[in-house]
Amino acid sequence: MASGILIISILFMPFWVTFILAFAGMIYFHIFLEAVFLLFLSDLLYGVREAKFFGIFFISLIIGVTLFVAVEILKKKLKFYP
């Protein structure tokens, strides 16, 4: 269900909504690796080279992987997170 909502947000909503939903899914679910794959799909569909990012094509993927790793490390450090 969450992956479907994320796919719909990639196709029909602005990119920042997709990032917020992916971040919320990473926090809520135990391991939400689907967000990283769907952000990669977003880059494949809409990604362009950015001059301000040194011509890197996969900006959403890089940010998504970095965010995923940071959230998973933070979840292990928190005592109240199961």
PDB file of N, CA and C in Angstrom:
ATOM      1  N   MET A   1       0.817  -1.192   0.000  1.00  0.00           N
ATOM      2  CA  MET A   1       0.000   0.000   0.000  1.00  0.00           C
ATOM      3  C   MET A   1       0.869   1.269   0.000  1.00  0.00           C
ATOM      4  N   ALA A   2       1.874   1.304   0.863  1.00  0.00           N
ATOM      5  CA  ALA A   2       2.741   2.483   0.939  1.00  0.00           C
ATOM      6  C   ALA A   2       3.544   2.650  -0.345  1.00  0.00           C
ATOM      7  N   SER A   3       3.977   1.562  -0.932  1.00  0.00           N
ATOM      8  CA  SER A   3       4.719   1.653  -2.190  1.00  0.00           C
ATOM      9  C   SER A   3       3.829   2.189  -3.306  1.00  0.00           C
ATOM     10  N   GLY A   4       2.583   1.783  -3.302  1.00  0.00           N
ATOM     11  CA  GLY A   4       1.636   2.289  -4.295  1.00  0.00           C
ATOM     12  C   GLY A   4       1.400   3.780  -4.156  1.00  0.00           C
ATOM     13  N   ILE A   5       1.275   4.250  -2.931  1.00  0.00           N
ATOM     14  CA  ILE A   5       1.107   5.689  -2.700  1.00  0.00           C
ATOM     15  C   ILE A   5       2.348   6.439  -3.155  1.00  0.00           C
ATOM     16  N   LEU A   6       3.513   5.863  -2.911  1.00  0.00           N
ATOM     17  CA  LEU A   6       4.754   6.507  -3.333  1.00  0.00           C
ATOM     18  C   LEU A   6       4.881   6.537  -4.855  1.00  0.00           C
ATOM     19  N   ILE A   7       4.449   5.495  -5.528  1.00  0.00           N
ATOM     20  CA  ILE A   7       4.463   5.481  -6.998  1.00  0.00           C
ATOM     21  C   ILE A   7       3.517   6.537  -7.554  1.00  0.00           C
ATOM     22  N   ILE A   8       2.334   6.658  -6.959  1.00  0.00           N
ATOM     23  CA  ILE A   8       1.384   7.674  -7.394  1.00  0.00           C
ATOM     24  C   ILE A   8       1.953   9.074  -7.177  1.00  0.00           C
ATOM     25  N   SER A   9       2.652   9.261  -6.059  1.00  0.00           N
ATOM     26  CA  SER A   9       3.244  10.579  -5.807  1.00  0.00           C
ATOM     27  C   SER A   9       4.372  10.879  -6.797  1.00  0.00           C
ATOM     28  N   ILE A  10       5.109   9.873  -7.216  1.00  0.00           N
ATOM     29  CA  ILE A  10       6.157  10.081  -8.227  1.00  0.00           C
ATOM     30  C   ILE A  10       5.542  10.489  -9.561  1.00  0.00           C
ATOM     31  N   LEU A  11       4.447   9.869  -9.912  1.00  0.00           N
ATOM     32  CA  LEU A  11       3.854  10.126 -11.219  1.00  0.00           C
ATOM     33  C   LEU A  11       3.056  11.422 -11.290  1.00  0.00           C
ATOM     34  N   PHE A  12       2.380  11.795 -10.198  1.00  0.00           N
ATOM     35  CA  PHE A  12       1.423  12.891 -10.296  1.00  0.00           C
ATOM     36  C   PHE A  12       1.681  14.081  -9.369  1.00  0.00           C
ATOM     37  N   MET A  13       2.619  13.994  -8.464  1.00  0.00           N
ATOM     38  CA  MET A  13       2.842  15.075  -7.505  1.00  0.00           C
ATOM     39  C   MET A  13       4.249  15.651  -7.664  1.00  0.00           C
ATOM     40  N   PRO A  14       4.489  16.832  -7.086  1.00  0.00           N
ATOM     41  CA  PRO A  14       5.841  17.412  -7.153  1.00  0.00           C
ATOM     42  C   PRO A  14       6.860  16.541  -6.415  1.00  0.00           C
ATOM     43  N   PHE A  15       8.130  16.732  -6.761  1.00  0.00           N
ATOM     44  CA  PHE A  15       9.165  15.867  -6.210  1.00  0.00           C
ATOM     45  C   PHE A  15       9.302  16.007  -4.699  1.00  0.00           C
ATOM     46  N   TRP A  16       9.042  17.191  -4.157  1.00  0.00           N
ATOM     47  CA  TRP A  16       9.205  17.378  -2.719  1.00  0.00           C
ATOM     48  C   TRP A  16       8.156  16.597  -1.930  1.00  0.00           C
ATOM     49  N   VAL A  17       6.985  16.368  -2.500  1.00  0.00           N
ATOM     50  CA  VAL A  17       5.976  15.532  -1.837  1.00  0.00           C
ATOM     51  C   VAL A  17       6.468  14.091  -1.787  1.00  0.00           C
ATOM     52  N   THR A  18       7.097  13.645  -2.854  1.00  0.00           N
ATOM     53  CA  THR A  18       7.647  12.297  -2.892  1.00  0.00           C
ATOM     54  C   THR A  18       8.734  12.119  -1.837  1.00  0.00           C
ATOM     55  N   PHE A  19       9.605  13.121  -1.690  1.00  0.00           N
ATOM     56  CA  PHE A  19      10.646  13.036  -0.672  1.00  0.00           C
ATOM     57  C   PHE A  19      10.064  12.993   0.732  1.00  0.00           C
ATOM     58  N   ILE A  20       9.040  13.782   0.984  1.00  0.00           N
ATOM     59  CA  ILE A  20       8.411  13.780   2.309  1.00  0.00           C
ATOM     60  C   ILE A  20       7.765  12.434   2.594  1.00  0.00           C
ATOM     61  N   LEU A  21       7.065  11.881   1.619  1.00  0.00           N
ATOM     62  CA  LEU A  21       6.432  10.568   1.806  1.00  0.00           C
ATOM     63  C   LEU A  21       7.463   9.461   1.959  1.00  0.00           C
ATOM     64  N   ALA A  22       8.541   9.529   1.198  1.00  0.00           N
ATOM     65  CA  ALA A  22       9.602   8.527   1.322  1.00  0.00           C
ATOM     66  C   ALA A  22      10.262   8.612   2.697  1.00  0.00           C
ATOM     67  N   PHE A  23      10.512   9.824   3.163  1.00  0.00           N
ATOM     68  CA  PHE A  23      11.111  10.019   4.485  1.00  0.00           C
ATOM     69  C   PHE A  23      10.178   9.507   5.584  1.00  0.00           C
ATOM     70  N   ALA A  24       8.897   9.797   5.462  1.00  0.00           N
ATOM     71  CA  ALA A  24       7.924   9.311   6.451  1.00  0.00           C
ATOM     72  C   ALA A  24       7.859   7.780   6.444  1.00  0.00           C
ATOM     73  N   GLY A  25       7.925   7.189   5.265  1.00  0.00           N
ATOM     74  CA  GLY A  25       7.928   5.727   5.173  1.00  0.00           C
ATOM     75  C   GLY A  25       9.186   5.119   5.771  1.00  0.00           C
ATOM     76  N   MET A  26      10.327   5.777   5.564  1.00  0.00           N
ATOM     77  CA  MET A  26      11.580   5.282   6.155  1.00  0.00           C
ATOM     78  C   MET A  26      11.534   5.331   7.677  1.00  0.00           C
ATOM     79  N   ILE A  27      10.877   6.332   8.213  1.00  0.00           N
ATOM     80  CA  ILE A  27      10.770   6.438   9.669  1.00  0.00           C
ATOM     81  C   ILE A  27       9.752   5.437  10.208  1.00  0.00           C
ATOM     82  N   TYR A  28       8.618   5.304   9.545  1.00  0.00           N
ATOM     83  CA  TYR A  28       7.519   4.491  10.072  1.00  0.00           C
ATOM     84  C   TYR A  28       7.772   2.986   9.952  1.00  0.00           C
ATOM     85  N   PHE A  29       8.248   2.543   8.795  1.00  0.00           N
ATOM     86  CA  PHE A  29       8.445   1.111   8.572  1.00  0.00           C
ATOM     87  C   PHE A  29       9.830   0.674   9.020  1.00  0.00           C
ATOM     88  N   HIS A  30       9.963  -0.610   9.319  1.00  0.00           N
ATOM     89  CA  HIS A  30      11.216  -1.136   9.846  1.00  0.00           C
ATOM     90  C   HIS A  30      12.363  -0.921   8.858  1.00  0.00           C
ATOM     91  N   ILE A  31      12.261  -1.477   7.680  1.00  0.00           N
ATOM     92  CA  ILE A  31      13.240  -1.233   6.609  1.00  0.00           C
ATOM     93  C   ILE A  31      12.423  -0.966   5.349  1.00  0.00           C
ATOM     94  N   PHE A  32      12.397   0.281   4.939  1.00  0.00           N
ATOM     95  CA  PHE A  32      11.592   0.702   3.793  1.00  0.00           C
ATOM     96  C   PHE A  32      12.515   0.954   2.610  1.00  0.00           C
ATOM     97  N   LEU A  33      13.109  -0.105   2.118  1.00  0.00           N
ATOM     98  CA  LEU A  33      14.052  -0.020   1.012  1.00  0.00           C
ATOM     99  C   LEU A  33      13.352   0.304  -0.308  1.00  0.00           C
ATOM    100  N   GLU A  34      12.037   0.127  -0.335  1.00  0.00           N
ATOM    101  CA  GLU A  34      11.285   0.451  -1.541  1.00  0.00           C
ATOM    102  C   GLU A  34      11.418   1.925  -1.903  1.00  0.00           C
ATOM    103  N   ALA A  35      11.578   2.766  -0.884  1.00  0.00           N
ATOM    104  CA  ALA A  35      11.718   4.205  -1.138  1.00  0.00           C
ATOM    105  C   ALA A  35      12.956   4.488  -1.979  1.00  0.00           C
ATOM    106  N   VAL A  36      14.045   3.803  -1.698  1.00  0.00           N
ATOM    107  CA  VAL A  36      15.274   4.005  -2.463  1.00  0.00           C
ATOM    108  C   VAL A  36      15.067   3.573  -3.915  1.00  0.00           C
ATOM    109  N   PHE A  37      14.430   2.439  -4.120  1.00  0.00           N
ATOM    110  CA  PHE A  37      14.180   1.965  -5.484  1.00  0.00           C
ATOM    111  C   PHE A  37      13.220   2.888  -6.235  1.00  0.00           C
ATOM    112  N   LEU A  38      12.220   3.399  -5.540  1.00  0.00           N
ATOM    113  CA  LEU A  38      11.269   4.282  -6.203  1.00  0.00           C
ATOM    114  C   LEU A  38      11.864   5.665  -6.472  1.00  0.00           C
ATOM    115  N   LEU A  39      12.784   6.120  -5.633  1.00  0.00           N
ATOM    116  CA  LEU A  39      13.482   7.365  -5.929  1.00  0.00           C
ATOM    117  C   LEU A  39      14.419   7.179  -7.130  1.00  0.00           C
ATOM    118  N   PHE A  40      14.973   5.986  -7.280  1.00  0.00           N
ATOM    119  CA  PHE A  40      15.748   5.665  -8.480  1.00  0.00           C
ATOM    120  C   PHE A  40      14.855   5.701  -9.718  1.00  0.00           C
ATOM    121  N   LEU A  41      13.640   5.162  -9.594  1.00  0.00           N
ATOM    122  CA  LEU A  41      12.675   5.218 -10.687  1.00  0.00           C
ATOM    123  C   LEU A  41      12.336   6.663 -11.026  1.00  0.00           C
ATOM    124  N   SER A  42      12.210   7.498 -10.016  1.00  0.00           N
ATOM    125  CA  SER A  42      11.949   8.926 -10.236  1.00  0.00           C
ATOM    126  C   SER A  42      13.077   9.575 -11.031  1.00  0.00           C
ATOM    127  N   ASP A  43      14.311   9.222 -10.711  1.00  0.00           N
ATOM    128  CA  ASP A  43      15.446   9.748 -11.475  1.00  0.00           C
ATOM    129  C   ASP A  43      15.437   9.244 -12.913  1.00  0.00           C
ATOM    130  N   LEU A  44      15.073   7.996 -13.102  1.00  0.00           N
ATOM    131  CA  LEU A  44      15.024   7.466 -14.465  1.00  0.00           C
ATOM    132  C   LEU A  44      13.941   8.145 -15.296  1.00  0.00           C
ATOM    133  N   LEU A  45      12.821   8.495 -14.661  1.00  0.00           N
ATOM    134  CA  LEU A  45      11.728   9.129 -15.393  1.00  0.00           C
ATOM    135  C   LEU A  45      11.953  10.613 -15.627  1.00  0.00           C
ATOM    136  N   TYR A  46      12.390  11.326 -14.589  1.00  0.00           N
ATOM    137  CA  TYR A  46      12.414  12.786 -14.661  1.00  0.00           C
ATOM    138  C   TYR A  46      13.793  13.399 -14.444  1.00  0.00           C
ATOM    139  N   GLY A  47      14.806  12.604 -14.237  1.00  0.00           N
ATOM    140  CA  GLY A  47      16.116  13.146 -13.899  1.00  0.00           C
ATOM    141  C   GLY A  47      16.804  13.827 -15.070  1.00  0.00           C
ATOM    142  N   VAL A  48      17.437  14.943 -14.774  1.00  0.00           N
ATOM    143  CA  VAL A  48      18.262  15.669 -15.747  1.00  0.00           C
ATOM    144  C   VAL A  48      19.569  16.028 -15.066  1.00  0.00           C
ATOM    145  N   ARG A  49      20.580  16.269 -15.869  1.00  0.00           N
ATOM    146  CA  ARG A  49      21.876  16.661 -15.307  1.00  0.00           C
ATOM    147  C   ARG A  49      21.773  18.076 -14.759  1.00  0.00           C
ATOM    148  N   GLU A  50      22.273  18.243 -13.550  1.00  0.00           N
ATOM    149  CA  GLU A  50      22.254  19.548 -12.900  1.00  0.00           C
ATOM    150  C   GLU A  50      23.664  20.113 -12.858  1.00  0.00           C
ATOM    151  N   ALA A  51      23.839  21.329 -13.329  1.00  0.00           N
ATOM    152  CA  ALA A  51      25.158  21.954 -13.307  1.00  0.00           C
ATOM    153  C   ALA A  51      25.595  22.265 -11.881  1.00  0.00           C
ATOM    154  N   LYS A  52      24.635  22.613 -11.017  1.00  0.00           N
ATOM    155  CA  LYS A  52      24.999  22.940  -9.649  1.00  0.00           C
ATOM    156  C   LYS A  52      25.379  21.712  -8.828  1.00  0.00           C
ATOM    157  N   PHE A  53      25.062  20.511  -9.319  1.00  0.00           N
ATOM    158  CA  PHE A  53      25.469  19.272  -8.669  1.00  0.00           C
ATOM    159  C   PHE A  53      26.558  18.560  -9.465  1.00  0.00           C
ATOM    160  N   PHE A  54      27.364  19.308 -10.197  1.00  0.00           N
ATOM    161  CA  PHE A  54      28.505  18.802 -10.971  1.00  0.00           C
ATOM    162  C   PHE A  54      28.098  17.815 -12.054  1.00  0.00           C
ATOM    163  N   GLY A  55      26.933  17.980 -12.624  1.00  0.00           N
ATOM    164  CA  GLY A  55      26.490  17.148 -13.728  1.00  0.00           C
ATOM    165  C   GLY A  55      26.042  15.752 -13.322  1.00  0.00           C
ATOM    166  N   ILE A  56      25.741  15.562 -12.057  1.00  0.00           N
ATOM    167  CA  ILE A  56      25.289  14.249 -11.580  1.00  0.00           C
ATOM    168  C   ILE A  56      23.842  14.036 -12.023  1.00  0.00           C
ATOM    169  N   PHE A  57      23.539  12.838 -12.469  1.00  0.00           N
ATOM    170  CA  PHE A  57      22.217  12.516 -13.001  1.00  0.00           C
ATOM    171  C   PHE A  57      21.276  12.009 -11.909  1.00  0.00           C
ATOM    172  N   PHE A  58      21.759  11.201 -10.986  1.00  0.00           N
ATOM    173  CA  PHE A  58      20.909  10.522 -10.003  1.00  0.00           C
ATOM    174  C   PHE A  58      20.897  11.254  -8.665  1.00  0.00           C
ATOM    175  N   ILE A  59      20.371  12.458  -8.637  1.00  0.00           N
ATOM    176  CA  ILE A  59      20.337  13.254  -7.423  1.00  0.00           C
ATOM    177  C   ILE A  59      19.376  12.648  -6.400  1.00  0.00           C
ATOM    178  N   SER A  60      18.179  12.267  -6.825  1.00  0.00           N
ATOM    179  CA  SER A  60      17.188  11.697  -5.906  1.00  0.00           C
ATOM    180  C   SER A  60      17.692  10.393  -5.303  1.00  0.00           C
ATOM    181  N   LEU A  61      18.363   9.587  -6.086  1.00  0.00           N
ATOM    182  CA  LEU A  61      18.894   8.325  -5.582  1.00  0.00           C
ATOM    183  C   LEU A  61      19.966   8.571  -4.530  1.00  0.00           C
ATOM    184  N   ILE A  62      20.857   9.487  -4.779  1.00  0.00           N
ATOM    185  CA  ILE A  62      21.932   9.769  -3.827  1.00  0.00           C
ATOM    186  C   ILE A  62      21.361  10.319  -2.524  1.00  0.00           C
ATOM    187  N   ILE A  63      20.424  11.249  -2.635  1.00  0.00           N
ATOM    188  CA  ILE A  63      19.797  11.798  -1.431  1.00  0.00           C
ATOM    189  C   ILE A  63      18.992  10.723  -0.710  1.00  0.00           C
ATOM    190  N   GLY A  64      18.297   9.874  -1.455  1.00  0.00           N
ATOM    191  CA  GLY A  64      17.503   8.809  -0.849  1.00  0.00           C
ATOM    192  C   GLY A  64      18.345   7.783  -0.111  1.00  0.00           C
ATOM    193  N   VAL A  65      19.463   7.370  -0.701  1.00  0.00           N
ATOM    194  CA  VAL A  65      20.350   6.401  -0.035  1.00  0.00           C
ATOM    195  C   VAL A  65      20.968   7.013   1.215  1.00  0.00           C
ATOM    196  N   THR A  66      21.399   8.274   1.105  1.00  0.00           N
ATOM    197  CA  THR A  66      21.973   8.949   2.264  1.00  0.00           C
ATOM    198  C   THR A  66      20.946   9.079   3.377  1.00  0.00           C
ATOM    199  N   LEU A  67      19.740   9.456   3.031  1.00  0.00           N
ATOM    200  CA  LEU A  67      18.673   9.586   4.013  1.00  0.00           C
ATOM    201  C   LEU A  67      18.312   8.239   4.620  1.00  0.00           C
ATOM    202  N   PHE A  68      18.269   7.195   3.796  1.00  0.00           N
ATOM    203  CA  PHE A  68      17.942   5.857   4.292  1.00  0.00           C
ATOM    204  C   PHE A  68      18.981   5.373   5.305  1.00  0.00           C
ATOM    205  N   VAL A  69      20.245   5.538   4.984  1.00  0.00           N
ATOM    206  CA  VAL A  69      21.311   5.102   5.894  1.00  0.00           C
ATOM    207  C   VAL A  69      21.258   5.906   7.194  1.00  0.00           C
ATOM    208  N   ALA A  70      21.049   7.213   7.084  1.00  0.00           N
ATOM    209  CA  ALA A  70      20.992   8.052   8.283  1.00  0.00           C
ATOM    210  C   ALA A  70      19.807   7.686   9.169  1.00  0.00           C
ATOM    211  N   VAL A  71      18.659   7.435   8.568  1.00  0.00           N
ATOM    212  CA  VAL A  71      17.473   7.079   9.357  1.00  0.00           C
ATOM    213  C   VAL A  71      17.663   5.722  10.024  1.00  0.00           C
ATOM    214  N   GLU A  72      18.226   4.756   9.314  1.00  0.00           N
ATOM    215  CA  GLU A  72      18.431   3.435   9.907  1.00  0.00           C
ATOM    216  C   GLU A  72      19.442   3.485  11.055  1.00  0.00           C
ATOM    217  N   ILE A  73      20.490   4.267  10.927  1.00  0.00           N
ATOM    218  CA  ILE A  73      21.456   4.415  12.022  1.00  0.00           C
ATOM    219  C   ILE A  73      20.797   5.103  13.203  1.00  0.00           C
ATOM    220  N   LEU A  74      20.003   6.129  12.931  1.00  0.00           N
ATOM    221  CA  LEU A  74      19.325   6.845  14.000  1.00  0.00           C
ATOM    222  C   LEU A  74      18.300   5.967  14.703  1.00  0.00           C
ATOM    223  N   LYS A  75      17.619   5.105  13.963  1.00  0.00           N
ATOM    224  CA  LYS A  75      16.643   4.197  14.580  1.00  0.00           C
ATOM    225  C   LYS A  75      17.325   3.228  15.540  1.00  0.00           C
ATOM    226  N   LYS A  76      18.533   2.772  15.210  1.00  0.00           N
ATOM    227  CA  LYS A  76      19.260   1.859  16.096  1.00  0.00           C
ATOM    228  C   LYS A  76      19.734   2.563  17.353  1.00  0.00           C
ATOM    229  N   LYS A  77      20.000   3.870  17.255  1.00  0.00           N
ATOM    230  CA  LYS A  77      20.500   4.633  18.408  1.00  0.00           C
ATOM    231  C   LYS A  77      19.383   5.012  19.388  1.00  0.00           C
ATOM    232  N   LEU A  78      18.153   5.130  18.906  1.00  0.00           N
ATOM    233  CA  LEU A  78      17.053   5.541  19.747  1.00  0.00           C
ATOM    234  C   LEU A  78      16.582   4.385  20.629  1.00  0.00           C
ATOM    235  N   LYS A  79      16.321   4.662  21.857  1.00  0.00           N
ATOM    236  CA  LYS A  79      15.895   3.597  22.774  1.00  0.00           C
ATOM    237  C   LYS A  79      14.427   3.265  22.612  1.00  0.00           C
ATOM    238  N   PHE A  80      13.595   4.247  22.300  1.00  0.00           N
ATOM    239  CA  PHE A  80      12.160   3.993  22.249  1.00  0.00           C
ATOM    240  C   PHE A  80      11.700   3.403  20.932  1.00  0.00           C
ATOM    241  N   TYR A  81      12.582   3.304  19.958  1.00  0.00           N
ATOM    242  CA  TYR A  81      12.209   2.698  18.677  1.00  0.00           C
ATOM    243  C   TYR A  81      12.466   1.204  18.746  1.00  0.00           C
ATOM    244  N   PRO A  82      11.474   0.357  18.450  1.00  0.00           N
ATOM    245  CA  PRO A  82      11.676  -1.105  18.606  1.00  0.00           C
ATOM    246  C   PRO A  82      12.636  -1.715  17.621  1.00  0.00           C
TER     247      PRO A  82
END
